[in-house]
Amino acid sequence: MIAKMYNGDMQKLIEILKQIEDLEWHDAIYSEDKQPFKEDTLCAIFDPDEEEDADPKLNFIMNVSQAQDVVVNARLQKEEVTDEEFIEAFNFYYLNDAFIDFYRIE
């Protein structure tokens, strides 16, 4: 289980996504990195209502509730979702405010 990542504790994005359902829906994901995000992008979780606790170098990326929806959507489409597909779905949602369709016709 993922430890609460408050007070600047950083975790790889893929580890957060794999256990996103264990996090509070009202929290948010922050990172120093910019898109495109990678599996090893370091992120922290903070309550956006207490943003003053966040490191000023960290940028808001997405609400945990949105990331939870991204993961659920990916798992509904594919029985086995790879780490790369989770990251692809996360980046797609970040850029488009829409869920990826893994079976779209190119």
C-alpha atoms as a PDB file:
ATOM      1  CA  MET A   1       0.000   0.000   0.000  1.00  0.00           C
ATOM      2  CA  ILE A   2       1.194   3.467  -0.817  1.00  0.00           C
ATOM      3  CA  ALA A   3       2.038   5.637   2.149  1.00  0.00           C
ATOM      4  CA  LYS A   4       0.361   9.006   2.346  1.00  0.00           C
ATOM      5  CA  MET A   5       2.581  11.241   0.292  1.00  0.00           C
ATOM      6  CA  TYR A   6       2.150  14.448   2.212  1.00  0.00           C
ATOM      7  CA  ASN A   7       4.832  16.833   3.383  1.00  0.00           C
ATOM      8  CA  GLY A   8       6.864  16.498   0.206  1.00  0.00           C
ATOM      9  CA  ASP A   9       7.204  12.716   0.066  1.00  0.00           C
ATOM     10  CA  MET A  10       7.831  11.959  -3.582  1.00  0.00           C
ATOM     11  CA  GLN A  11       6.773   8.787  -5.416  1.00  0.00           C
ATOM     12  CA  LYS A  12       7.088   7.670  -9.014  1.00  0.00           C
ATOM     13  CA  LEU A  13       3.954   8.461 -11.006  1.00  0.00           C
ATOM     14  CA  ILE A  14       3.461   4.828 -12.037  1.00  0.00           C
ATOM     15  CA  GLU A  15       3.433   3.728  -8.382  1.00  0.00           C
ATOM     16  CA  ILE A  16       0.794   6.345  -7.629  1.00  0.00           C
ATOM     17  CA  LEU A  17      -1.362   5.235 -10.573  1.00  0.00           C
ATOM     18  CA  LYS A  18      -1.106   1.546  -9.670  1.00  0.00           C
ATOM     19  CA  GLN A  19      -2.525   2.272  -6.222  1.00  0.00           C
ATOM     20  CA  ILE A  20      -4.601   5.348  -6.966  1.00  0.00           C
ATOM     21  CA  GLU A  21      -7.737   3.882  -5.385  1.00  0.00           C
ATOM     22  CA  ASP A  22      -5.980   4.017  -1.976  1.00  0.00           C
ATOM     23  CA  LEU A  23      -5.701   7.803  -2.135  1.00  0.00           C
ATOM     24  CA  GLU A  24      -8.267  10.393  -1.111  1.00  0.00           C
ATOM     25  CA  TRP A  25     -10.336  11.560  -4.091  1.00  0.00           C
ATOM     26  CA  HIS A  26     -10.190  15.208  -2.979  1.00  0.00           C
ATOM     27  CA  ASP A  27      -6.365  15.371  -2.988  1.00  0.00           C
ATOM     28  CA  ALA A  28      -4.245  16.397  -5.969  1.00  0.00           C
ATOM     29  CA  ILE A  29      -1.081  15.294  -7.748  1.00  0.00           C
ATOM     30  CA  TYR A  30       1.849  17.733  -7.970  1.00  0.00           C
ATOM     31  CA  SER A  31       5.217  17.471  -9.716  1.00  0.00           C
ATOM     32  CA  GLU A  32       8.219  19.574 -10.721  1.00  0.00           C
ATOM     33  CA  ASP A  33       8.175  17.892 -14.130  1.00  0.00           C
ATOM     34  CA  LYS A  34       6.150  18.958 -17.126  1.00  0.00           C
ATOM     35  CA  GLN A  35       4.239  16.889 -19.658  1.00  0.00           C
ATOM     36  CA  PRO A  36       4.878  14.397 -21.145  1.00  0.00           C
ATOM     37  CA  PHE A  37       4.952  12.568 -17.844  1.00  0.00           C
ATOM     38  CA  LYS A  38       6.911   9.345 -17.582  1.00  0.00           C
ATOM     39  CA  GLU A  39       6.724   6.272 -15.353  1.00  0.00           C
ATOM     40  CA  ASP A  40       9.519   7.637 -13.171  1.00  0.00           C
ATOM     41  CA  THR A  41       8.188  11.206 -12.938  1.00  0.00           C
ATOM     42  CA  LEU A  42       8.364  12.095  -9.260  1.00  0.00           C
ATOM     43  CA  CYS A  43       5.093  13.352  -7.790  1.00  0.00           C
ATOM     44  CA  ALA A  44       3.637  14.274  -4.435  1.00  0.00           C
ATOM     45  CA  ILE A  45       0.065  14.268  -3.173  1.00  0.00           C
ATOM     46  CA  PHE A  46      -1.343  17.250  -1.315  1.00  0.00           C
ATOM     47  CA  ASP A  47      -4.748  18.487  -0.304  1.00  0.00           C
ATOM     48  CA  PRO A  48      -5.323  21.417  -2.720  1.00  0.00           C
ATOM     49  CA  ASP A  49      -7.163  23.271   0.059  1.00  0.00           C
ATOM     50  CA  GLU A  50      -3.906  23.226   2.018  1.00  0.00           C
ATOM     51  CA  GLU A  51      -1.685  24.085  -0.933  1.00  0.00           C
ATOM     52  CA  GLU A  52       0.528  26.229   1.272  1.00  0.00           C
ATOM     53  CA  ASP A  53       1.971  22.915   2.538  1.00  0.00           C
ATOM     54  CA  ALA A  54       3.207  22.085  -0.975  1.00  0.00           C
ATOM     55  CA  ASP A  55       6.743  22.817  -2.104  1.00  0.00           C
ATOM     56  CA  PRO A  56       6.567  25.994  -4.236  1.00  0.00           C
ATOM     57  CA  LYS A  57       8.594  24.220  -6.963  1.00  0.00           C
ATOM     58  CA  LEU A  58       5.775  21.705  -7.429  1.00  0.00           C
ATOM     59  CA  ASN A  59       3.078  22.345 -10.014  1.00  0.00           C
ATOM     60  CA  PHE A  60      -0.504  21.132  -9.870  1.00  0.00           C
ATOM     61  CA  ILE A  61      -0.939  18.284 -12.360  1.00  0.00           C
ATOM     62  CA  MET A  62      -4.330  16.708 -11.780  1.00  0.00           C
ATOM     63  CA  ASN A  63      -6.863  15.941  -9.069  1.00  0.00           C
ATOM     64  CA  VAL A  64      -6.625  12.431  -7.625  1.00  0.00           C
ATOM     65  CA  SER A  65     -10.286  11.900  -8.564  1.00  0.00           C
ATOM     66  CA  GLN A  66      -9.412  12.544 -12.218  1.00  0.00           C
ATOM     67  CA  ALA A  67      -6.453  10.152 -12.076  1.00  0.00           C
ATOM     68  CA  GLN A  68      -8.719   7.545 -10.453  1.00  0.00           C
ATOM     69  CA  ASP A  69     -11.117   7.926 -13.394  1.00  0.00           C
ATOM     70  CA  VAL A  70      -8.233   7.571 -15.881  1.00  0.00           C
ATOM     71  CA  VAL A  71      -7.130   4.298 -14.268  1.00  0.00           C
ATOM     72  CA  VAL A  72     -10.680   2.919 -14.050  1.00  0.00           C
ATOM     73  CA  ASN A  73     -11.295   3.780 -17.698  1.00  0.00           C
ATOM     74  CA  ALA A  74      -8.080   2.049 -18.797  1.00  0.00           C
ATOM     75  CA  ARG A  75      -8.956  -1.066 -16.784  1.00  0.00           C
ATOM     76  CA  LEU A  76     -12.448  -1.142 -18.282  1.00  0.00           C
ATOM     77  CA  GLN A  77     -10.971  -1.148 -21.779  1.00  0.00           C
ATOM     78  CA  LYS A  78      -8.185  -3.651 -21.182  1.00  0.00           C
ATOM     79  CA  GLU A  79      -8.002  -6.623 -18.858  1.00  0.00           C
ATOM     80  CA  GLU A  80      -4.230  -6.206 -18.510  1.00  0.00           C
ATOM     81  CA  VAL A  81      -2.987  -2.612 -18.605  1.00  0.00           C
ATOM     82  CA  THR A  82       0.776  -2.139 -18.919  1.00  0.00           C
ATOM     83  CA  ASP A  83       2.685   0.579 -17.103  1.00  0.00           C
ATOM     84  CA  GLU A  84       3.268   2.287 -20.438  1.00  0.00           C
ATOM     85  CA  GLU A  85      -0.485   2.263 -21.168  1.00  0.00           C
ATOM     86  CA  PHE A  86      -1.298   3.797 -17.769  1.00  0.00           C
ATOM     87  CA  ILE A  87       1.163   6.606 -18.500  1.00  0.00           C
ATOM     88  CA  GLU A  88      -0.174   7.006 -22.048  1.00  0.00           C
ATOM     89  CA  ALA A  89      -3.729   7.272 -20.673  1.00  0.00           C
ATOM     90  CA  PHE A  90      -2.616   9.773 -18.015  1.00  0.00           C
ATOM     91  CA  ASN A  91      -0.830  11.990 -20.561  1.00  0.00           C
ATOM     92  CA  PHE A  92      -3.758  11.753 -22.987  1.00  0.00           C
ATOM     93  CA  TYR A  93      -6.203  12.885 -20.306  1.00  0.00           C
ATOM     94  CA  TYR A  94      -3.858  15.686 -19.201  1.00  0.00           C
ATOM     95  CA  LEU A  95      -3.632  17.053 -22.737  1.00  0.00           C
ATOM     96  CA  ASN A  96      -7.198  16.445 -23.929  1.00  0.00           C
ATOM     97  CA  ASP A  97      -9.403  16.393 -20.826  1.00  0.00           C
ATOM     98  CA  ALA A  98     -10.776  13.162 -22.293  1.00  0.00           C
ATOM     99  CA  PHE A  99     -10.180   9.463 -21.878  1.00  0.00           C
ATOM    100  CA  ILE A 100      -7.963   7.567 -24.263  1.00  0.00           C
ATOM    101  CA  ASP A 101      -9.543   4.969 -26.538  1.00  0.00           C
ATOM    102  CA  PHE A 102      -6.976   2.172 -26.750  1.00  0.00           C
ATOM    103  CA  TYR A 103      -8.847   0.638 -29.683  1.00  0.00           C
ATOM    104  CA  ARG A 104      -9.278   3.752 -31.794  1.00  0.00           C
ATOM    105  CA  ILE A 105      -8.621   3.416 -35.485  1.00  0.00           C
ATOM    106  CA  GLU A 106      -5.475   5.332 -36.416  1.00  0.00           C
END
